[in-house]
Amino acid sequence: MQHSFKKYSQILLGAALLLTLSLTYGGKAEAASEGVYYGLHPEVAEKAALVKQIAADQGILIRYTDGYRSFEHQDALYNQGRTTEGPIVTNARGGESYHNYGLAIDFVLTDHYGNAYWSLDRDVNGNGVSDWEDVGNIAKSVGFSWGGDWTSFPDYPHLQLDYGMSVQDLQYWYNQGYYQFAY
């Protein structure tokens, strides 16, 4: 009984989340001017802004680089390092990433001029903890999952809100027509 209630709750949560996405973003012509926040669930955008502010308060500057991705864009990233030039950057095909549903955002560490820093050892605030880990911990404190915690394919720039849903749950609701994001 407990298991079926949990599954039913996830189904209702999924429907509500995807309906929110559809109502929030469906048909918004001005959304393209929102840059990296375009297509993100409103709570993801709100929490991302909070992470950025808390990190800045601790002396760590970040810039968001990638938010919502279409399935086609995700497939192009998946092909990188496999059938096209460049390093492999993802193991997720189109429809297999939380980015495809507006539930993930990527960041990079920066300096005051906006220059990107990718070193995992960077510790600008001198607290003895990598800035990547600091930002990951900040993100987790506001509800994100952090890709730096993944053991099989750590993805330090990746933050996501999954609302307890798997990618398979999101695909199900997408295929049912509940997710009608205006591409």
C-alpha atoms as a PDB file:
ATOM      1  CA  MET A   1       0.000   0.000   0.000  1.00  0.00           C
ATOM      2  CA  GLN A   2       2.830   2.383   0.923  1.00  0.00           C
ATOM      3  CA  HIS A   3       4.554   1.789  -2.433  1.00  0.00           C
ATOM      4  CA  SER A   4       1.414   2.480  -4.492  1.00  0.00           C
ATOM      5  CA  PHE A   5       0.718   5.678  -2.520  1.00  0.00           C
ATOM      6  CA  LYS A   6       4.288   6.877  -3.188  1.00  0.00           C
ATOM      7  CA  LYS A   7       3.960   6.122  -6.908  1.00  0.00           C
ATOM      8  CA  TYR A   8       0.550   7.835  -7.052  1.00  0.00           C
ATOM      9  CA  SER A   9       2.032  10.889  -5.296  1.00  0.00           C
ATOM     10  CA  GLN A  10       4.877  11.001  -7.825  1.00  0.00           C
ATOM     11  CA  ILE A  11       2.383  10.818 -10.689  1.00  0.00           C
ATOM     12  CA  LEU A  12       0.357  13.712  -9.265  1.00  0.00           C
ATOM     13  CA  LEU A  13       3.521  15.717  -8.599  1.00  0.00           C
ATOM     14  CA  GLY A  14       4.700  15.043 -12.140  1.00  0.00           C
ATOM     15  CA  ALA A  15       1.435  16.183 -13.651  1.00  0.00           C
ATOM     16  CA  ALA A  16       1.412  19.346 -11.533  1.00  0.00           C
ATOM     17  CA  LEU A  17       5.044  20.151 -12.331  1.00  0.00           C
ATOM     18  CA  LEU A  18       4.672  19.641 -16.053  1.00  0.00           C
ATOM     19  CA  LEU A  19       1.397  21.556 -16.131  1.00  0.00           C
ATOM     20  CA  THR A  20       3.216  24.438 -14.386  1.00  0.00           C
ATOM     21  CA  LEU A  21       5.941  24.284 -17.021  1.00  0.00           C
ATOM     22  CA  SER A  22       3.372  24.305 -19.795  1.00  0.00           C
ATOM     23  CA  LEU A  23       1.382  27.192 -18.352  1.00  0.00           C
ATOM     24  CA  THR A  24       4.486  29.199 -17.458  1.00  0.00           C
ATOM     25  CA  TYR A  25       6.373  28.849 -20.707  1.00  0.00           C
ATOM     26  CA  GLY A  26       3.918  27.790 -23.386  1.00  0.00           C
ATOM     27  CA  GLY A  27       3.718  30.470 -26.071  1.00  0.00           C
ATOM     28  CA  LYS A  28       5.986  33.041 -24.428  1.00  0.00           C
ATOM     29  CA  ALA A  29       7.535  34.889 -27.364  1.00  0.00           C
ATOM     30  CA  GLU A  30       9.575  37.153 -25.077  1.00  0.00           C
ATOM     31  CA  ALA A  31      11.222  34.177 -23.348  1.00  0.00           C
ATOM     32  CA  ALA A  32      14.171  34.192 -25.761  1.00  0.00           C
ATOM     33  CA  SER A  33      15.334  37.455 -24.202  1.00  0.00           C
ATOM     34  CA  GLU A  34      15.715  35.727 -20.807  1.00  0.00           C
ATOM     35  CA  GLY A  35      19.031  34.110 -21.836  1.00  0.00           C
ATOM     36  CA  VAL A  36      20.189  31.180 -19.730  1.00  0.00           C
ATOM     37  CA  TYR A  37      16.982  31.320 -17.657  1.00  0.00           C
ATOM     38  CA  TYR A  38      14.834  30.759 -20.773  1.00  0.00           C
ATOM     39  CA  GLY A  39      12.805  27.582 -20.378  1.00  0.00           C
ATOM     40  CA  LEU A  40      13.698  26.941 -16.753  1.00  0.00           C
ATOM     41  CA  HIS A  41      11.048  26.055 -14.225  1.00  0.00           C
ATOM     42  CA  PRO A  42      10.460  29.230 -12.176  1.00  0.00           C
ATOM     43  CA  GLU A  43      11.692  27.586  -8.962  1.00  0.00           C
ATOM     44  CA  VAL A  44      14.918  26.462 -10.662  1.00  0.00           C
ATOM     45  CA  ALA A  45      15.557  30.041 -11.841  1.00  0.00           C
ATOM     46  CA  GLU A  46      14.745  31.443  -8.389  1.00  0.00           C
ATOM     47  CA  LYS A  47      16.993  28.986  -6.557  1.00  0.00           C
ATOM     48  CA  ALA A  48      19.779  29.475  -9.106  1.00  0.00           C
ATOM     49  CA  ALA A  49      19.734  33.222  -8.412  1.00  0.00           C
ATOM     50  CA  LEU A  50      19.868  32.484  -4.678  1.00  0.00           C
ATOM     51  CA  VAL A  51      22.875  30.153  -5.117  1.00  0.00           C
ATOM     52  CA  LYS A  52      24.679  32.840  -7.108  1.00  0.00           C
ATOM     53  CA  GLN A  53      24.018  35.451  -4.395  1.00  0.00           C
ATOM     54  CA  ILE A  54      25.070  33.220  -1.482  1.00  0.00           C
ATOM     55  CA  ALA A  55      28.241  32.200  -3.347  1.00  0.00           C
ATOM     56  CA  ALA A  56      29.065  35.868  -4.030  1.00  0.00           C
ATOM     57  CA  ASP A  57      28.532  36.653  -0.345  1.00  0.00           C
ATOM     58  CA  GLN A  58      31.198  34.004   0.361  1.00  0.00           C
ATOM     59  CA  GLY A  59      33.594  35.516  -2.191  1.00  0.00           C
ATOM     60  CA  ILE A  60      32.885  33.034  -4.991  1.00  0.00           C
ATOM     61  CA  LEU A  61      31.638  34.363  -8.317  1.00  0.00           C
ATOM     62  CA  ILE A  62      29.777  32.144 -10.772  1.00  0.00           C
ATOM     63  CA  ARG A  63      28.076  32.563 -14.132  1.00  0.00           C
ATOM     64  CA  TYR A  64      25.324  30.303 -15.421  1.00  0.00           C
ATOM     65  CA  THR A  65      26.205  28.848 -18.801  1.00  0.00           C
ATOM     66  CA  ASP A  66      23.432  26.456 -19.773  1.00  0.00           C
ATOM     67  CA  GLY A  67      19.833  25.948 -18.708  1.00  0.00           C
ATOM     68  CA  TYR A  68      16.996  24.485 -20.758  1.00  0.00           C
ATOM     69  CA  ARG A  69      18.077  22.405 -23.771  1.00  0.00           C
ATOM     70  CA  SER A  70      15.923  21.081 -26.583  1.00  0.00           C
ATOM     71  CA  PHE A  71      16.152  17.368 -27.336  1.00  0.00           C
ATOM     72  CA  GLU A  72      18.022  18.260 -30.543  1.00  0.00           C
ATOM     73  CA  HIS A  73      20.601  20.351 -28.665  1.00  0.00           C
ATOM     74  CA  GLN A  74      21.029  17.525 -26.144  1.00  0.00           C
ATOM     75  CA  ASP A  75      21.620  15.044 -28.981  1.00  0.00           C
ATOM     76  CA  ALA A  76      24.269  17.363 -30.471  1.00  0.00           C
ATOM     77  CA  LEU A  77      26.051  17.478 -27.100  1.00  0.00           C
ATOM     78  CA  TYR A  78      25.775  13.699 -26.782  1.00  0.00           C
ATOM     79  CA  ASN A  79      27.346  13.258 -30.229  1.00  0.00           C
ATOM     80  CA  GLN A  80      30.313  15.453 -29.270  1.00  0.00           C
ATOM     81  CA  GLY A  81      33.348  13.233 -28.857  1.00  0.00           C
ATOM     82  CA  ARG A  82      31.490  10.332 -30.429  1.00  0.00           C
ATOM     83  CA  THR A  83      30.515  11.284 -33.990  1.00  0.00           C
ATOM     84  CA  THR A  84      31.628  14.942 -33.955  1.00  0.00           C
ATOM     85  CA  GLU A  85      34.778  16.768 -32.795  1.00  0.00           C
ATOM     86  CA  GLY A  86      35.441  17.567 -29.163  1.00  0.00           C
ATOM     87  CA  PRO A  87      35.522  15.890 -25.779  1.00  0.00           C
ATOM     88  CA  ILE A  88      32.631  13.831 -24.444  1.00  0.00           C
ATOM     89  CA  VAL A  89      30.601  16.130 -22.195  1.00  0.00           C
ATOM     90  CA  THR A  90      27.448  14.119 -21.474  1.00  0.00           C
ATOM     91  CA  ASN A  91      26.114  10.584 -21.384  1.00  0.00           C
ATOM     92  CA  ALA A  92      22.518  11.775 -21.828  1.00  0.00           C
ATOM     93  CA  ARG A  93      20.717  11.783 -25.165  1.00  0.00           C
ATOM     94  CA  GLY A  94      17.779  14.032 -25.988  1.00  0.00           C
ATOM     95  CA  GLY A  95      15.000  13.440 -23.453  1.00  0.00           C
ATOM     96  CA  GLU A  96      17.390  11.843 -20.945  1.00  0.00           C
ATOM     97  CA  SER A  97      18.558  15.034 -19.202  1.00  0.00           C
ATOM     98  CA  TYR A  98      16.847  17.219 -16.630  1.00  0.00           C
ATOM     99  CA  HIS A  99      17.981  20.132 -18.844  1.00  0.00           C
ATOM    100  CA  ASN A 100      15.423  18.940 -21.416  1.00  0.00           C
ATOM    101  CA  TYR A 101      12.615  19.644 -18.951  1.00  0.00           C
ATOM    102  CA  GLY A 102      13.850  22.985 -17.588  1.00  0.00           C
ATOM    103  CA  LEU A 103      14.939  21.437 -14.297  1.00  0.00           C
ATOM    104  CA  ALA A 104      18.742  21.827 -14.548  1.00  0.00           C
ATOM    105  CA  ILE A 105      21.260  24.627 -14.905  1.00  0.00           C
ATOM    106  CA  ASP A 106      25.050  24.608 -15.321  1.00  0.00           C
ATOM    107  CA  PHE A 107      27.543  27.133 -13.968  1.00  0.00           C
ATOM    108  CA  VAL A 108      31.213  28.056 -14.142  1.00  0.00           C
ATOM    109  CA  LEU A 109      33.437  29.768 -11.598  1.00  0.00           C
ATOM    110  CA  THR A 110      34.507  33.264 -12.682  1.00  0.00           C
ATOM    111  CA  ASP A 111      36.605  36.224 -11.638  1.00  0.00           C
ATOM    112  CA  HIS A 112      35.370  39.829 -11.341  1.00  0.00           C
ATOM    113  CA  TYR A 113      35.820  40.252 -15.107  1.00  0.00           C
ATOM    114  CA  GLY A 114      33.693  37.213 -15.970  1.00  0.00           C
ATOM    115  CA  ASN A 115      36.624  35.019 -17.029  1.00  0.00           C
ATOM    116  CA  ALA A 116      35.867  31.314 -16.542  1.00  0.00           C
ATOM    117  CA  TYR A 117      37.933  29.095 -14.229  1.00  0.00           C
ATOM    118  CA  TRP A 118      37.627  25.324 -14.475  1.00  0.00           C
ATOM    119  CA  SER A 119      40.326  24.210 -12.011  1.00  0.00           C
ATOM    120  CA  LEU A 120      38.857  21.832  -9.435  1.00  0.00           C
ATOM    121  CA  ASP A 121      41.421  23.056  -6.875  1.00  0.00           C
ATOM    122  CA  ARG A 122      40.394  26.722  -7.015  1.00  0.00           C
ATOM    123  CA  ASP A 123      39.776  28.182  -3.542  1.00  0.00           C
ATOM    124  CA  VAL A 124      39.313  31.934  -3.959  1.00  0.00           C
ATOM    125  CA  ASN A 125      37.855  32.494  -0.502  1.00  0.00           C
ATOM    126  CA  GLY A 126      40.690  30.557   1.156  1.00  0.00           C
ATOM    127  CA  ASN A 127      38.477  28.354   3.329  1.00  0.00           C
ATOM    128  CA  GLY A 128      40.362  25.166   2.421  1.00  0.00           C
ATOM    129  CA  VAL A 129      37.466  23.821   0.340  1.00  0.00           C
ATOM    130  CA  SER A 130      37.334  23.820  -3.454  1.00  0.00           C
ATOM    131  CA  ASP A 131      35.058  26.565  -4.790  1.00  0.00           C
ATOM    132  CA  TRP A 132      33.241  23.906  -6.836  1.00  0.00           C
ATOM    133  CA  GLU A 133      32.444  22.016  -3.648  1.00  0.00           C
ATOM    134  CA  ASP A 134      31.462  25.248  -1.876  1.00  0.00           C
ATOM    135  CA  VAL A 135      28.971  26.086  -4.645  1.00  0.00           C
ATOM    136  CA  GLY A 136      27.735  22.477  -4.702  1.00  0.00           C
ATOM    137  CA  ASN A 137      27.106  22.634  -0.946  1.00  0.00           C
ATOM    138  CA  ILE A 138      25.325  25.984  -1.283  1.00  0.00           C
ATOM    139  CA  ALA A 139      23.162  24.545  -4.061  1.00  0.00           C
ATOM    140  CA  LYS A 140      22.288  21.475  -1.996  1.00  0.00           C
ATOM    141  CA  SER A 141      21.349  23.711   0.947  1.00  0.00           C
ATOM    142  CA  VAL A 142      18.613  25.339  -1.167  1.00  0.00           C
ATOM    143  CA  GLY A 143      17.302  22.072  -2.611  1.00  0.00           C
ATOM    144  CA  PHE A 144      19.377  21.294  -5.710  1.00  0.00           C
ATOM    145  CA  SER A 145      21.121  18.016  -6.427  1.00  0.00           C
ATOM    146  CA  TRP A 146      24.738  18.612  -7.442  1.00  0.00           C
ATOM    147  CA  GLY A 147      26.403  16.723 -10.292  1.00  0.00           C
ATOM    148  CA  GLY A 148      29.730  16.834  -8.430  1.00  0.00           C
ATOM    149  CA  ASP A 149      28.330  14.155  -6.104  1.00  0.00           C
ATOM    150  CA  TRP A 150      27.832  11.692  -8.967  1.00  0.00           C
ATOM    151  CA  THR A 151      30.313   8.825  -8.755  1.00  0.00           C
ATOM    152  CA  SER A 152      30.170   7.383 -12.282  1.00  0.00           C
ATOM    153  CA  PHE A 153      30.375  10.658 -14.230  1.00  0.00           C
ATOM    154  CA  PRO A 154      30.930  13.669 -11.932  1.00  0.00           C
ATOM    155  CA  ASP A 155      29.500  16.826 -13.494  1.00  0.00           C
ATOM    156  CA  TYR A 156      30.726  19.674 -11.286  1.00  0.00           C
ATOM    157  CA  PRO A 157      28.909  22.495 -13.134  1.00  0.00           C
ATOM    158  CA  HIS A 158      25.500  20.739 -12.977  1.00  0.00           C
ATOM    159  CA  LEU A 159      22.642  21.629 -10.613  1.00  0.00           C
ATOM    160  CA  GLN A 160      19.141  20.128 -10.845  1.00  0.00           C
ATOM    161  CA  LEU A 161      15.803  20.024  -9.061  1.00  0.00           C
ATOM    162  CA  ASP A 162      14.127  16.699  -9.697  1.00  0.00           C
ATOM    163  CA  TYR A 163      11.109  16.930  -7.368  1.00  0.00           C
ATOM    164  CA  GLY A 164      11.534  13.214  -6.674  1.00  0.00           C
ATOM    165  CA  MET A 165      10.984  12.319 -10.316  1.00  0.00           C
ATOM    166  CA  SER A 166      13.247  10.233 -12.487  1.00  0.00           C
ATOM    167  CA  VAL A 167      13.976  11.038 -16.113  1.00  0.00           C
ATOM    168  CA  GLN A 168      11.646   8.149 -16.960  1.00  0.00           C
ATOM    169  CA  ASP A 169       8.829   9.919 -15.063  1.00  0.00           C
ATOM    170  CA  LEU A 170       9.500  13.124 -17.008  1.00  0.00           C
ATOM    171  CA  GLN A 171       9.562  11.222 -20.304  1.00  0.00           C
ATOM    172  CA  TYR A 172       6.243   9.616 -19.433  1.00  0.00           C
ATOM    173  CA  TRP A 173       4.577  12.987 -18.815  1.00  0.00           C
ATOM    174  CA  TYR A 174       6.202  14.471 -21.900  1.00  0.00           C
ATOM    175  CA  ASN A 175       4.861  11.591 -24.021  1.00  0.00           C
ATOM    176  CA  GLN A 176       1.397  12.070 -22.485  1.00  0.00           C
ATOM    177  CA  GLY A 177       1.400  15.628 -23.819  1.00  0.00           C
ATOM    178  CA  TYR A 178       1.538  17.388 -20.451  1.00  0.00           C
ATOM    179  CA  TYR A 179       4.812  19.082 -21.250  1.00  0.00           C
ATOM    180  CA  GLN A 180       4.079  21.544 -24.029  1.00  0.00           C
ATOM    181  CA  PHE A 181       7.035  23.878 -23.876  1.00  0.00           C
ATOM    182  CA  ALA A 182       7.210  26.257 -26.834  1.00  0.00           C
ATOM    183  CA  TYR A 183      10.471  25.292 -28.499  1.00  0.00           C
END
